[in-house]
């Protein structure tokens, strides 16, 4: 039986993380929460996928990170989008729109 939750491909996860972080600086747990909330519980990001993605995006220079106090009073690493990350997000958004349009064309093909 198929799960109602969707697994994310690495590239798609990267794009979603960039989009969430573009809204405002946020810590890892907050990123996972927002993806789940905005997708109406369709998408859930596991820590085992999220934190490697955050490190990868930071290493590529698309995210910057700084330690700050979170809402709970604990120290947390907050991520923000860099100028290069914003350009990457724009490119990935264009590519996603093109890909989604192409898939939609195929799915609307009469059988």
C-alpha atoms as a PDB file:
ATOM      1  CA  UNK A   1       0.000   0.000   0.000  1.00  0.00           C
ATOM      2  CA  UNK A   2       1.362   3.408  -0.963  1.00  0.00           C
ATOM      3  CA  UNK A   3       2.086   5.936   1.764  1.00  0.00           C
ATOM      4  CA  UNK A   4       0.182   9.219   1.875  1.00  0.00           C
ATOM      5  CA  UNK A   5       3.459  10.967   2.670  1.00  0.00           C
ATOM      6  CA  UNK A   6       5.742  11.799  -0.220  1.00  0.00           C
ATOM      7  CA  UNK A   7       9.463  11.183  -0.335  1.00  0.00           C
ATOM      8  CA  UNK A   8      11.478  14.072  -1.723  1.00  0.00           C
ATOM      9  CA  UNK A   9      14.242  13.729  -4.250  1.00  0.00           C
ATOM     10  CA  UNK A  10      17.461  15.431  -3.174  1.00  0.00           C
ATOM     11  CA  UNK A  11      17.250  18.227  -5.764  1.00  0.00           C
ATOM     12  CA  UNK A  12      13.635  18.934  -4.874  1.00  0.00           C
ATOM     13  CA  UNK A  13      14.470  19.066  -1.171  1.00  0.00           C
ATOM     14  CA  UNK A  14      17.288  21.530  -1.884  1.00  0.00           C
ATOM     15  CA  UNK A  15      14.915  23.770  -3.838  1.00  0.00           C
ATOM     16  CA  UNK A  16      12.271  23.683  -1.085  1.00  0.00           C
ATOM     17  CA  UNK A  17      14.848  24.470   1.599  1.00  0.00           C
ATOM     18  CA  UNK A  18      16.108  27.445  -0.417  1.00  0.00           C
ATOM     19  CA  UNK A  19      12.527  28.690  -0.845  1.00  0.00           C
ATOM     20  CA  UNK A  20      11.688  28.401   2.867  1.00  0.00           C
ATOM     21  CA  UNK A  21      14.930  30.090   3.915  1.00  0.00           C
ATOM     22  CA  UNK A  22      14.338  32.881   1.356  1.00  0.00           C
ATOM     23  CA  UNK A  23      11.276  33.935   3.369  1.00  0.00           C
ATOM     24  CA  UNK A  24      13.308  34.646   6.529  1.00  0.00           C
ATOM     25  CA  UNK A  25      16.276  33.216   8.458  1.00  0.00           C
ATOM     26  CA  UNK A  26      15.198  30.002  10.155  1.00  0.00           C
ATOM     27  CA  UNK A  27      16.675  27.008  12.006  1.00  0.00           C
ATOM     28  CA  UNK A  28      16.557  23.432  10.733  1.00  0.00           C
ATOM     29  CA  UNK A  29      13.576  22.299  12.795  1.00  0.00           C
ATOM     30  CA  UNK A  30      11.655  25.386  11.627  1.00  0.00           C
ATOM     31  CA  UNK A  31      12.433  24.552   7.994  1.00  0.00           C
ATOM     32  CA  UNK A  32      11.024  21.029   8.413  1.00  0.00           C
ATOM     33  CA  UNK A  33       7.927  22.386  10.176  1.00  0.00           C
ATOM     34  CA  UNK A  34       7.228  24.968   7.482  1.00  0.00           C
ATOM     35  CA  UNK A  35       7.602  22.476   4.652  1.00  0.00           C
ATOM     36  CA  UNK A  36       5.123  20.198   6.405  1.00  0.00           C
ATOM     37  CA  UNK A  37       2.673  23.021   7.215  1.00  0.00           C
ATOM     38  CA  UNK A  38       2.743  24.721   3.809  1.00  0.00           C
ATOM     39  CA  UNK A  39       2.361  21.377   1.999  1.00  0.00           C
ATOM     40  CA  UNK A  40      -0.641  20.568   4.237  1.00  0.00           C
ATOM     41  CA  UNK A  41       1.157  17.543   5.693  1.00  0.00           C
ATOM     42  CA  UNK A  42       1.891  15.962   2.296  1.00  0.00           C
ATOM     43  CA  UNK A  43       5.638  16.550   2.600  1.00  0.00           C
ATOM     44  CA  UNK A  44       7.607  15.595   5.691  1.00  0.00           C
ATOM     45  CA  UNK A  45      11.367  16.040   5.826  1.00  0.00           C
ATOM     46  CA  UNK A  46      13.288  13.683   8.082  1.00  0.00           C
ATOM     47  CA  UNK A  47      16.301  14.964  10.020  1.00  0.00           C
ATOM     48  CA  UNK A  48      18.456  12.395   8.229  1.00  0.00           C
ATOM     49  CA  UNK A  49      17.688  14.154   4.938  1.00  0.00           C
ATOM     50  CA  UNK A  50      17.376  17.755   6.109  1.00  0.00           C
ATOM     51  CA  UNK A  51      20.653  18.284   7.945  1.00  0.00           C
ATOM     52  CA  UNK A  52      22.861  16.818   5.200  1.00  0.00           C
ATOM     53  CA  UNK A  53      20.966  19.068   2.741  1.00  0.00           C
ATOM     54  CA  UNK A  54      21.575  22.127   4.919  1.00  0.00           C
ATOM     55  CA  UNK A  55      25.290  21.317   5.163  1.00  0.00           C
ATOM     56  CA  UNK A  56      25.494  20.719   1.400  1.00  0.00           C
ATOM     57  CA  UNK A  57      23.758  24.026   0.610  1.00  0.00           C
ATOM     58  CA  UNK A  58      25.962  25.894   3.077  1.00  0.00           C
ATOM     59  CA  UNK A  59      29.097  24.319   1.575  1.00  0.00           C
ATOM     60  CA  UNK A  60      27.985  25.423  -1.912  1.00  0.00           C
ATOM     61  CA  UNK A  61      27.619  28.984  -0.643  1.00  0.00           C
ATOM     62  CA  UNK A  62      23.843  29.087  -1.163  1.00  0.00           C
ATOM     63  CA  UNK A  63      23.103  29.351   2.565  1.00  0.00           C
ATOM     64  CA  UNK A  64      24.827  31.238   5.351  1.00  0.00           C
ATOM     65  CA  UNK A  65      24.475  30.076   8.956  1.00  0.00           C
ATOM     66  CA  UNK A  66      24.837  31.714  12.346  1.00  0.00           C
ATOM     67  CA  UNK A  67      24.157  30.551  15.888  1.00  0.00           C
ATOM     68  CA  UNK A  68      21.341  32.452  17.591  1.00  0.00           C
ATOM     69  CA  UNK A  69      18.813  31.942  20.352  1.00  0.00           C
ATOM     70  CA  UNK A  70      15.630  30.210  19.183  1.00  0.00           C
ATOM     71  CA  UNK A  71      12.061  30.755  20.407  1.00  0.00           C
ATOM     72  CA  UNK A  72      12.680  28.135  23.099  1.00  0.00           C
ATOM     73  CA  UNK A  73      15.710  30.002  24.446  1.00  0.00           C
ATOM     74  CA  UNK A  74      18.125  27.380  23.147  1.00  0.00           C
ATOM     75  CA  UNK A  75      20.966  28.070  20.767  1.00  0.00           C
ATOM     76  CA  UNK A  76      20.179  27.020  17.205  1.00  0.00           C
ATOM     77  CA  UNK A  77      21.864  27.424  13.848  1.00  0.00           C
ATOM     78  CA  UNK A  78      19.796  29.841  11.749  1.00  0.00           C
ATOM     79  CA  UNK A  79      20.117  29.667   7.977  1.00  0.00           C
ATOM     80  CA  UNK A  80      19.683  32.533   5.548  1.00  0.00           C
ATOM     81  CA  UNK A  81      19.869  32.732   1.765  1.00  0.00           C
ATOM     82  CA  UNK A  82      22.998  34.225   0.211  1.00  0.00           C
ATOM     83  CA  UNK A  83      23.031  36.293  -2.985  1.00  0.00           C
ATOM     84  CA  UNK A  84      24.316  33.231  -4.868  1.00  0.00           C
ATOM     85  CA  UNK A  85      21.606  31.126  -3.215  1.00  0.00           C
ATOM     86  CA  UNK A  86      18.924  33.547  -4.405  1.00  0.00           C
ATOM     87  CA  UNK A  87      20.174  33.191  -7.998  1.00  0.00           C
ATOM     88  CA  UNK A  88      20.200  29.397  -7.592  1.00  0.00           C
ATOM     89  CA  UNK A  89      16.631  29.453  -6.271  1.00  0.00           C
ATOM     90  CA  UNK A  90      15.512  31.503  -9.293  1.00  0.00           C
ATOM     91  CA  UNK A  91      17.183  29.031 -11.686  1.00  0.00           C
ATOM     92  CA  UNK A  92      15.713  26.007  -9.888  1.00  0.00           C
ATOM     93  CA  UNK A  93      12.243  27.588  -9.843  1.00  0.00           C
ATOM     94  CA  UNK A  94      12.362  28.156 -13.604  1.00  0.00           C
ATOM     95  CA  UNK A  95      13.534  24.582 -14.164  1.00  0.00           C
ATOM     96  CA  UNK A  96      10.827  23.203 -11.845  1.00  0.00           C
ATOM     97  CA  UNK A  97       8.108  25.160 -13.657  1.00  0.00           C
ATOM     98  CA  UNK A  98       9.321  23.836 -17.008  1.00  0.00           C
ATOM     99  CA  UNK A  99       9.516  20.253 -15.714  1.00  0.00           C
ATOM    100  CA  UNK A 100       6.104  20.386 -13.998  1.00  0.00           C
ATOM    101  CA  UNK A 101       4.555  21.777 -17.180  1.00  0.00           C
ATOM    102  CA  UNK A 102       6.072  18.981 -19.266  1.00  0.00           C
ATOM    103  CA  UNK A 103       4.850  16.291 -16.855  1.00  0.00           C
ATOM    104  CA  UNK A 104       1.377  17.868 -16.848  1.00  0.00           C
ATOM    105  CA  UNK A 105       1.291  17.727 -20.667  1.00  0.00           C
ATOM    106  CA  UNK A 106       2.137  14.027 -20.611  1.00  0.00           C
ATOM    107  CA  UNK A 107      -0.394  13.239 -17.873  1.00  0.00           C
ATOM    108  CA  UNK A 108      -3.157  15.034 -19.794  1.00  0.00           C
ATOM    109  CA  UNK A 109      -2.498  12.910 -22.894  1.00  0.00           C
ATOM    110  CA  UNK A 110      -5.540  10.868 -23.825  1.00  0.00           C
ATOM    111  CA  UNK A 111      -5.083   7.132 -23.383  1.00  0.00           C
END
